[in-house]
N, C-alpha and C. Protein backbone atom coordinates (compact mmCIF):
# COMPACT_ATOMS: atom_id res chain seq x y z
N MET A 1 1.31 -54.94 24.69
CA MET A 1 2.53 -55.89 25.03
C MET A 1 3.40 -56.28 23.78
N ASN A 2 2.76 -56.35 22.84
CA ASN A 2 3.39 -56.13 21.48
C ASN A 2 3.85 -55.21 20.92
N ASP A 3 3.31 -54.01 21.41
CA ASP A 3 4.21 -52.83 20.74
C ASP A 3 5.42 -52.64 21.57
N SER A 4 5.27 -52.42 22.94
CA SER A 4 6.52 -52.67 23.37
C SER A 4 7.61 -53.46 23.18
N ALA A 5 7.09 -54.88 23.04
CA ALA A 5 7.96 -55.84 22.37
C ALA A 5 8.73 -55.64 21.28
N THR A 6 7.84 -55.05 20.24
CA THR A 6 8.21 -54.97 18.90
C THR A 6 9.21 -53.69 19.02
N GLN A 7 8.88 -52.50 19.91
CA GLN A 7 9.92 -51.52 19.79
C GLN A 7 11.47 -51.73 20.65
N ALA A 8 11.30 -52.55 21.49
CA ALA A 8 12.56 -53.22 22.23
C ALA A 8 12.95 -53.84 21.07
N LEU A 9 12.87 -54.79 20.37
CA LEU A 9 13.46 -55.74 19.09
C LEU A 9 14.11 -54.71 18.52
N ILE A 10 13.25 -53.55 17.71
CA ILE A 10 13.72 -52.69 17.16
C ILE A 10 14.76 -52.34 17.70
N ASP A 11 14.70 -51.80 18.88
CA ASP A 11 16.05 -51.01 19.49
C ASP A 11 17.42 -52.22 19.46
N GLU A 12 16.76 -53.22 19.59
CA GLU A 12 18.01 -54.35 19.77
C GLU A 12 18.45 -54.21 18.37
N CYS A 13 17.85 -54.35 17.26
CA CYS A 13 18.11 -54.47 15.71
C CYS A 13 19.07 -53.55 15.47
N ASP A 14 18.56 -52.22 15.93
CA ASP A 14 19.39 -50.91 16.03
C ASP A 14 20.77 -50.88 16.40
N ARG A 15 20.86 -51.32 17.68
CA ARG A 15 22.09 -51.53 18.63
C ARG A 15 22.90 -52.77 17.76
N GLN A 16 22.46 -53.87 17.47
CA GLN A 16 23.54 -54.82 16.72
C GLN A 16 23.83 -53.95 15.39
N PHE A 17 22.87 -53.42 14.81
CA PHE A 17 23.12 -52.64 13.43
C PHE A 17 24.40 -51.94 13.90
N GLU A 18 24.40 -51.12 14.68
CA GLU A 18 25.55 -49.97 14.96
C GLU A 18 26.90 -50.79 15.43
N ASN A 19 26.55 -52.13 16.15
CA ASN A 19 27.45 -52.94 16.68
C ASN A 19 28.24 -53.34 15.46
N CYS A 20 27.72 -54.08 14.39
CA CYS A 20 28.05 -54.93 13.55
C CYS A 20 28.87 -53.93 12.40
N ARG A 21 28.45 -52.55 12.20
CA ARG A 21 29.14 -51.48 11.47
C ARG A 21 30.18 -51.12 11.92
N ASP A 22 30.10 -50.65 13.10
CA ASP A 22 31.72 -50.71 13.67
C ASP A 22 32.58 -51.65 13.82
N THR A 23 32.39 -52.74 14.12
CA THR A 23 32.98 -53.66 14.00
C THR A 23 33.42 -54.35 12.57
N ALA A 24 32.71 -54.04 11.62
CA ALA A 24 33.22 -54.21 10.08
C ALA A 24 33.95 -53.30 9.70
N ALA A 25 33.61 -52.25 9.96
CA ALA A 25 34.59 -50.76 9.57
C ALA A 25 36.18 -51.21 10.15
N SER A 26 36.31 -51.36 11.47
CA SER A 26 37.23 -51.83 12.24
C SER A 26 37.99 -52.82 11.19
N PHE A 27 37.34 -53.71 10.98
CA PHE A 27 37.83 -55.05 10.49
C PHE A 27 38.36 -54.81 9.19
N THR A 28 37.73 -54.14 8.45
CA THR A 28 38.22 -53.64 7.07
C THR A 28 39.15 -52.68 6.95
N ILE A 29 39.60 -51.82 7.96
CA ILE A 29 40.69 -50.86 7.95
C ILE A 29 41.60 -51.78 8.53
N TRP A 30 41.83 -52.44 9.58
CA TRP A 30 42.78 -53.50 9.99
C TRP A 30 43.33 -54.09 8.56
N LEU A 31 42.14 -54.84 8.01
CA LEU A 31 42.41 -55.77 6.87
C LEU A 31 43.23 -54.84 5.78
N ARG A 32 43.07 -53.62 5.96
CA ARG A 32 44.01 -53.12 4.73
C ARG A 32 45.50 -52.97 4.78
N THR A 33 45.80 -52.76 6.47
CA THR A 33 46.87 -52.57 7.15
C THR A 33 47.79 -54.06 7.33
N LEU A 34 46.96 -55.27 7.49
CA LEU A 34 47.42 -56.47 7.02
C LEU A 34 47.92 -56.95 5.59
N ARG A 35 47.03 -56.48 4.61
CA ARG A 35 47.19 -56.48 3.05
C ARG A 35 48.64 -55.71 2.39
N TRP A 36 48.59 -54.74 3.22
CA TRP A 36 49.74 -53.76 3.15
C TRP A 36 51.10 -54.48 3.71
N THR A 37 51.09 -54.47 4.70
CA THR A 37 51.98 -55.55 5.65
C THR A 37 52.37 -56.61 4.89
N ARG A 38 51.48 -57.42 4.32
CA ARG A 38 51.82 -58.68 3.36
C ARG A 38 52.63 -58.48 1.84
N THR A 39 52.15 -57.31 1.35
CA THR A 39 53.04 -56.88 0.45
C THR A 39 54.08 -56.67 0.56
N LEU A 40 54.67 -55.59 1.63
CA LEU A 40 55.89 -55.29 2.03
C LEU A 40 56.60 -56.34 2.37
N CYS A 41 56.17 -57.45 3.10
CA CYS A 41 57.13 -58.44 3.42
C CYS A 41 57.36 -59.40 2.59
N LEU A 42 56.44 -59.39 1.26
CA LEU A 42 57.06 -60.38 0.16
C LEU A 42 57.73 -59.64 -0.97
N VAL A 43 57.61 -58.38 -0.84
CA VAL A 43 58.46 -57.49 -1.85
C VAL A 43 59.79 -56.78 -1.22
N ALA A 44 60.02 -56.48 0.22
CA ALA A 44 61.29 -56.17 0.57
C ALA A 44 62.21 -56.89 0.44
N PRO A 45 62.15 -58.18 0.76
CA PRO A 45 63.57 -59.25 0.75
C PRO A 45 64.01 -59.34 -0.95
N VAL A 46 63.05 -58.84 -1.84
CA VAL A 46 63.51 -58.75 -3.13
C VAL A 46 64.53 -57.64 -3.26
N ILE A 47 63.98 -56.62 -3.00
CA ILE A 47 64.76 -55.30 -2.91
C ILE A 47 65.88 -55.45 -2.18
N PHE A 48 65.66 -55.97 -1.13
CA PHE A 48 67.04 -55.83 -0.08
C PHE A 48 67.97 -56.85 -0.46
N GLY A 49 67.73 -57.99 -1.66
CA GLY A 49 68.40 -58.69 -2.05
C GLY A 49 69.08 -58.24 -2.99
N ALA A 50 68.39 -57.66 -3.88
CA ALA A 50 69.07 -56.88 -4.85
C ALA A 50 70.04 -55.62 -4.72
N LEU A 51 69.83 -55.06 -3.36
CA LEU A 51 70.76 -53.94 -2.68
C LEU A 51 71.93 -54.66 -2.24
N ALA A 52 71.58 -55.77 -1.63
CA ALA A 52 72.89 -56.67 -1.09
C ALA A 52 74.02 -56.88 -1.91
N THR A 53 73.56 -57.37 -2.96
CA THR A 53 74.43 -57.83 -4.40
C THR A 53 74.97 -56.72 -4.92
N TRP A 54 74.57 -55.69 -4.91
CA TRP A 54 74.45 -54.44 -6.01
C TRP A 54 76.24 -54.10 -5.81
N GLN A 55 77.02 -54.02 -6.82
CA GLN A 55 78.37 -54.02 -6.54
C GLN A 55 78.77 -52.57 -5.91
N VAL A 56 78.22 -51.56 -6.43
CA VAL A 56 78.36 -49.98 -6.12
C VAL A 56 78.42 -50.20 -4.16
N LEU A 57 77.07 -50.84 -3.92
CA LEU A 57 76.97 -50.96 -2.25
C LEU A 57 77.91 -52.12 -1.52
N THR A 58 78.26 -52.95 -2.43
CA THR A 58 79.21 -53.84 -1.60
C THR A 58 80.70 -53.72 -1.85
N GLY A 59 80.96 -52.72 -2.39
CA GLY A 59 82.22 -52.20 -2.50
C GLY A 59 82.34 -50.93 -1.78
N SER A 60 81.54 -49.97 -1.64
CA SER A 60 81.72 -48.75 -0.80
C SER A 60 81.01 -49.06 0.73
N TYR A 61 80.05 -49.69 0.80
CA TYR A 61 79.58 -49.71 2.18
C TYR A 61 79.08 -51.43 2.54
N PRO A 62 80.20 -51.92 2.35
CA PRO A 62 79.70 -53.60 3.10
C PRO A 62 79.25 -53.74 4.36
N ILE A 63 78.92 -52.70 5.09
CA ILE A 63 77.98 -53.21 6.44
C ILE A 63 76.42 -53.11 5.82
N LEU A 64 76.31 -52.01 4.98
CA LEU A 64 75.33 -51.55 4.59
C LEU A 64 74.65 -52.91 3.91
N ALA A 65 75.47 -53.14 2.90
CA ALA A 65 75.08 -54.82 2.17
C ALA A 65 74.77 -55.89 3.52
N ALA A 66 75.70 -55.87 4.12
CA ALA A 66 75.31 -57.18 5.18
C ALA A 66 74.17 -56.64 6.17
N VAL A 67 73.65 -55.49 6.42
CA VAL A 67 72.62 -55.29 6.80
C VAL A 67 71.18 -55.69 6.03
N PHE A 68 71.46 -55.49 4.60
CA PHE A 68 70.27 -55.93 3.56
C PHE A 68 70.36 -57.27 3.24
N THR A 69 71.61 -57.98 3.06
CA THR A 69 71.55 -59.51 3.46
C THR A 69 70.79 -60.06 4.65
N LEU A 70 70.82 -59.57 5.70
CA LEU A 70 70.49 -60.53 7.01
C LEU A 70 68.77 -59.97 6.88
N LEU A 71 68.65 -58.70 6.38
CA LEU A 71 67.30 -58.23 6.36
C LEU A 71 66.41 -59.47 5.09
N THR A 72 67.09 -59.34 3.98
CA THR A 72 66.88 -60.56 3.01
C THR A 72 66.46 -61.89 3.57
N THR A 73 67.14 -62.39 4.57
CA THR A 73 67.15 -63.95 5.03
C THR A 73 66.19 -63.68 6.30
N VAL A 74 65.89 -62.50 7.02
CA VAL A 74 65.24 -62.71 8.01
C VAL A 74 63.70 -62.29 7.75
N ILE A 75 63.42 -61.65 7.20
CA ILE A 75 62.20 -61.31 6.43
C ILE A 75 60.95 -62.36 6.37
N PRO A 76 61.40 -63.25 5.10
CA PRO A 76 60.59 -64.33 4.95
C PRO A 76 60.04 -65.03 6.07
N PRO A 77 61.09 -65.75 6.81
CA PRO A 77 60.70 -66.52 8.10
C PRO A 77 59.82 -65.86 9.02
N ALA A 78 60.04 -64.59 9.21
CA ALA A 78 59.41 -64.10 10.35
C ALA A 78 57.86 -63.51 9.72
N TYR A 79 57.67 -63.23 8.50
CA TYR A 79 56.85 -63.01 7.87
C TYR A 79 55.85 -64.48 7.95
N LYS A 80 56.34 -65.64 7.51
CA LYS A 80 55.74 -66.86 7.77
C LYS A 80 55.45 -66.90 9.22
N ALA A 81 56.18 -66.76 10.07
CA ALA A 81 55.90 -66.99 11.66
C ALA A 81 54.65 -66.36 11.92
N SER A 82 54.62 -65.19 11.60
CA SER A 82 53.70 -64.10 12.25
C SER A 82 52.22 -64.52 11.76
N GLY A 83 51.87 -65.35 10.58
CA GLY A 83 50.60 -66.01 10.23
C GLY A 83 49.66 -64.89 9.79
N ILE A 84 50.54 -64.00 9.01
CA ILE A 84 49.53 -62.79 8.22
C ILE A 84 48.57 -63.47 7.39
N ASP A 85 49.03 -64.01 6.54
CA ASP A 85 48.19 -65.13 5.79
C ASP A 85 46.71 -65.39 6.30
N ALA A 86 46.82 -66.04 7.29
CA ALA A 86 46.01 -67.02 8.14
C ALA A 86 44.80 -65.52 9.00
N SER A 87 45.86 -64.66 9.32
CA SER A 87 44.81 -63.28 9.75
C SER A 87 44.16 -62.67 8.35
N ILE A 88 44.77 -62.83 7.58
CA ILE A 88 43.80 -61.84 6.54
C ILE A 88 42.58 -62.80 5.96
N GLN A 89 42.74 -63.88 6.02
CA GLN A 89 41.57 -64.99 5.46
C GLN A 89 40.48 -64.46 6.61
N ASP A 90 41.11 -64.56 8.14
CA ASP A 90 40.12 -64.71 9.24
C ASP A 90 39.07 -63.27 8.71
N TYR A 91 39.94 -62.23 8.99
CA TYR A 91 39.49 -60.58 9.12
C TYR A 91 38.78 -60.60 7.91
N GLN A 92 39.07 -61.16 6.75
CA GLN A 92 38.66 -61.00 5.56
C GLN A 92 36.87 -61.56 5.49
N SER A 93 36.86 -62.97 5.93
CA SER A 93 35.66 -63.61 5.96
C SER A 93 34.94 -62.52 7.53
N LEU A 94 35.45 -62.48 8.27
CA LEU A 94 34.05 -61.62 9.21
C LEU A 94 33.91 -60.29 8.98
N ALA A 95 34.90 -59.67 8.19
CA ALA A 95 34.12 -58.16 8.06
C ALA A 95 33.28 -58.13 7.01
N GLY A 96 33.54 -59.46 5.95
CA GLY A 96 32.31 -59.68 5.21
C GLY A 96 31.08 -60.11 5.67
N GLU A 97 31.08 -60.92 6.89
CA GLU A 97 30.02 -61.20 7.60
C GLU A 97 29.30 -59.82 8.67
N PHE A 98 30.01 -59.54 9.29
CA PHE A 98 29.73 -58.28 9.83
C PHE A 98 28.77 -57.15 9.27
N THR A 99 29.50 -57.15 7.77
CA THR A 99 28.90 -55.96 6.82
C THR A 99 27.34 -56.33 6.53
N ASN A 100 27.78 -57.87 6.29
CA ASN A 100 26.31 -58.61 5.87
C ASN A 100 25.33 -58.56 6.96
N LEU A 101 25.60 -58.68 8.15
CA LEU A 101 24.67 -58.40 9.47
C LEU A 101 23.95 -57.10 9.55
N ARG A 102 25.10 -56.27 9.33
CA ARG A 102 24.84 -54.86 9.43
C ARG A 102 23.79 -54.56 8.76
N ASP A 103 23.68 -54.87 7.82
CA ASP A 103 22.58 -54.42 6.35
C ASP A 103 21.21 -55.60 6.93
N ARG A 104 21.38 -56.53 7.23
CA ARG A 104 20.09 -57.42 7.69
C ARG A 104 19.50 -56.82 9.08
N PHE A 105 20.23 -56.51 9.96
CA PHE A 105 19.79 -56.03 10.98
C PHE A 105 19.13 -54.58 10.89
N ARG A 106 19.42 -53.67 9.87
CA ARG A 106 18.97 -52.52 9.47
C ARG A 106 17.51 -52.79 8.79
N GLN A 107 17.76 -54.19 8.02
CA GLN A 107 16.64 -54.35 7.18
C GLN A 107 15.33 -54.77 7.92
N ALA A 108 16.11 -55.47 9.23
CA ALA A 108 14.71 -55.71 9.98
C ALA A 108 14.31 -54.94 10.63
N ALA A 109 14.91 -54.19 11.25
CA ALA A 109 14.44 -52.70 11.97
C ALA A 109 13.45 -51.99 11.10
N LEU A 110 13.76 -52.03 9.89
CA LEU A 110 13.22 -50.86 8.96
C LEU A 110 11.90 -51.63 8.43
N ILE A 111 11.88 -52.79 8.08
CA ILE A 111 11.10 -53.60 7.34
C ILE A 111 10.60 -54.93 8.06
N SER A 112 11.20 -55.53 8.46
CA SER A 112 10.50 -56.90 9.41
C SER A 112 9.33 -56.45 10.46
N SER A 113 10.11 -55.11 11.32
CA SER A 113 9.37 -54.76 12.11
C SER A 113 7.88 -54.31 11.80
N LYS A 114 7.40 -54.14 10.97
CA LYS A 114 6.24 -53.99 10.19
C LYS A 114 5.12 -55.18 10.17
N LYS A 115 5.90 -56.38 10.29
CA LYS A 115 4.87 -57.36 10.35
C LYS A 115 4.53 -57.74 11.96
N SER A 116 3.93 -58.80 11.89
CA SER A 116 3.48 -59.05 13.23
C SER A 116 4.41 -59.42 13.88
N PHE A 117 4.51 -59.19 15.66
CA PHE A 117 5.94 -59.39 16.51
C PHE A 117 6.32 -60.79 15.84
N ALA A 118 5.54 -61.82 15.96
CA ALA A 118 5.98 -63.18 15.83
C ALA A 118 6.79 -63.62 14.89
N GLU A 119 6.39 -62.57 13.59
CA GLU A 119 7.02 -62.92 12.40
C GLU A 119 8.35 -62.12 12.23
N PHE A 120 8.04 -60.83 13.27
CA PHE A 120 9.64 -59.72 13.30
C PHE A 120 10.48 -60.82 14.14
N GLU A 121 10.13 -61.30 15.05
CA GLU A 121 10.71 -62.01 16.02
C GLU A 121 11.73 -63.32 15.09
N ALA A 122 10.84 -64.02 14.04
CA ALA A 122 11.35 -64.82 13.47
C ALA A 122 12.09 -64.65 12.53
N ASP A 123 12.27 -63.10 12.12
CA ASP A 123 13.44 -63.06 11.21
C ASP A 123 14.47 -62.51 11.80
N THR A 124 14.17 -62.16 13.24
CA THR A 124 15.75 -61.65 13.58
C THR A 124 16.59 -62.73 14.32
N ARG A 125 15.55 -63.99 14.80
CA ARG A 125 16.40 -65.11 15.09
C ARG A 125 17.54 -65.52 14.49
N PRO A 126 17.26 -65.80 13.50
CA PRO A 126 18.52 -66.31 12.63
C PRO A 126 19.68 -65.28 12.48
N LEU A 127 19.55 -64.07 12.71
CA LEU A 127 20.60 -62.90 12.50
C LEU A 127 20.98 -62.96 13.77
N ILE A 128 20.37 -63.27 14.80
CA ILE A 128 21.07 -63.10 16.26
C ILE A 128 22.15 -64.34 16.24
N GLU A 129 21.56 -65.48 15.79
CA GLU A 129 22.36 -66.89 15.93
C GLU A 129 23.38 -66.59 15.03
N ARG A 130 23.60 -66.15 13.97
CA ARG A 130 24.96 -65.72 12.89
C ARG A 130 25.75 -64.71 13.55
N LEU A 131 24.96 -63.63 14.36
CA LEU A 131 25.96 -62.99 14.91
C LEU A 131 26.84 -63.21 16.19
N GLU A 132 26.15 -64.59 16.98
CA GLU A 132 27.00 -65.13 18.04
C GLU A 132 27.71 -66.30 17.59
N LYS A 133 27.72 -66.88 16.15
CA LYS A 133 28.92 -67.47 15.36
C LYS A 133 30.10 -66.69 15.25
N ALA A 134 29.66 -65.57 14.73
CA ALA A 134 30.65 -64.54 14.08
C ALA A 134 31.33 -64.29 15.21
N ARG A 135 30.62 -63.95 16.46
CA ARG A 135 31.61 -63.32 17.78
C ARG A 135 32.10 -64.48 18.41
N SER A 136 32.23 -65.80 18.28
CA SER A 136 32.65 -67.03 18.66
C SER A 136 34.36 -66.58 18.19
N GLN A 137 34.55 -66.34 17.08
CA GLN A 137 35.80 -66.11 16.68
C GLN A 137 36.53 -64.53 17.47
N THR A 138 37.38 -64.55 18.05
CA THR A 138 37.40 -63.35 18.79
C THR A 138 38.74 -62.91 18.08
N LEU A 139 38.48 -61.95 17.24
CA LEU A 139 39.59 -61.39 16.40
C LEU A 139 39.64 -60.48 16.77
N THR A 140 40.94 -59.68 17.42
CA THR A 140 41.07 -58.36 18.16
C THR A 140 41.85 -57.41 17.36
N PRO A 141 41.50 -56.35 16.33
CA PRO A 141 42.63 -55.70 15.73
C PRO A 141 42.68 -54.63 16.75
N PRO A 142 43.92 -54.13 16.91
CA PRO A 142 44.50 -52.73 17.39
C PRO A 142 43.44 -52.41 17.85
N ASP A 143 43.44 -51.23 19.08
CA ASP A 143 41.88 -50.59 19.52
C ASP A 143 42.19 -49.42 18.97
N TRP A 144 43.47 -48.89 18.69
CA TRP A 144 42.98 -47.59 17.90
C TRP A 144 42.35 -47.67 16.25
N TYR A 145 42.54 -49.00 15.80
CA TYR A 145 41.54 -49.17 14.50
C TYR A 145 39.98 -48.99 14.51
N PHE A 146 39.76 -49.57 15.99
CA PHE A 146 38.10 -49.29 16.26
C PHE A 146 38.10 -47.69 16.43
N LYS A 147 38.55 -46.98 16.94
CA LYS A 147 38.62 -45.69 17.01
C LYS A 147 38.79 -45.02 16.03
N LEU A 148 39.62 -45.31 15.14
CA LEU A 148 39.73 -44.80 13.48
C LEU A 148 38.18 -45.19 12.86
N ALA A 149 37.97 -46.26 12.99
CA ALA A 149 36.64 -46.73 12.49
C ALA A 149 35.16 -45.68 12.97
N ARG A 150 35.60 -45.51 13.92
CA ARG A 150 34.51 -44.80 14.77
C ARG A 150 34.59 -43.12 14.35
N ARG A 151 35.66 -42.83 14.00
CA ARG A 151 35.81 -41.47 13.58
C ARG A 151 35.33 -41.29 11.82
N LYS A 152 35.74 -42.27 10.94
CA LYS A 152 35.31 -42.54 9.63
C LYS A 152 33.87 -42.40 9.93
N ILE A 153 33.17 -43.42 10.54
CA ILE A 153 31.55 -43.56 10.44
C ILE A 153 30.72 -42.38 10.46
N LYS A 154 31.50 -41.73 11.95
CA LYS A 154 31.12 -40.35 12.30
C LYS A 154 31.43 -39.27 11.43
N ALA A 155 32.46 -39.28 10.23
CA ALA A 155 32.87 -38.41 9.44
C ALA A 155 32.04 -38.87 8.14
N GLY A 156 30.77 -39.60 8.02
CA GLY A 156 30.16 -39.97 7.08
C GLY A 156 30.66 -41.03 5.94
N ASP A 157 31.79 -41.57 6.05
CA ASP A 157 32.49 -42.42 5.01
C ASP A 157 31.49 -43.61 4.98
N TYR A 158 31.16 -44.27 5.79
CA TYR A 158 30.19 -45.38 5.67
C TYR A 158 28.82 -45.22 5.75
N THR A 159 28.14 -43.88 5.45
CA THR A 159 26.82 -43.69 5.33
C THR A 159 26.34 -43.57 4.08
N HIS A 160 25.21 -44.29 3.62
CA HIS A 160 24.82 -44.35 2.30
C HIS A 160 24.34 -42.95 2.22
N SER A 161 24.07 -42.74 0.51
CA SER A 161 23.86 -41.36 0.18
C SER A 161 22.35 -40.90 0.62
N LYS A 162 21.61 -42.26 0.63
CA LYS A 162 19.90 -42.11 0.80
C LYS A 162 20.11 -41.60 2.29
N ASP A 163 20.71 -42.40 3.07
CA ASP A 163 20.55 -41.90 4.28
C ASP A 163 20.92 -40.46 4.86
N MET A 164 21.87 -39.98 3.90
CA MET A 164 22.52 -38.57 4.24
C MET A 164 21.54 -37.87 4.40
N LYS A 165 20.56 -37.97 3.13
CA LYS A 165 19.31 -37.03 2.61
C LYS A 165 18.36 -36.83 3.25
N ALA A 166 18.25 -37.90 4.01
CA ALA A 166 17.11 -38.01 5.45
C ALA A 166 17.36 -37.14 6.59
């Protein structure tokens, strides 16, 4: 019984390792997009404002200057309303938590599984509780970020060099 229970818990740790790895990777890739969007939304109004007041543009292309003025005034409130800053904080926190859980589940499968079943189960219980807590925040990046993360994982982008040798 203990051998089959231990193997079942090892298998579950392996599944959770994979789930956490994939989630952390997709969150990290989405987080990069959010950060670039934030940078663009903070820098673009300054550039558009400069272009809107540029004498060459205002004299020769007044419609273009008006468009730049509109963008200069519309982007900041749209950015604020989008909640990107809060999303960045949420994804940053959970990407770190899923990355940490990924490593802990791997360690549980490789190291804690060598202990008695009771000790192994006691080591994994807090990990499962942390995972449930992390999953209670339902952050959902666009689906193609998950697909991109899976592609990068399969390509070995997130594989440790020690594991590549094995």
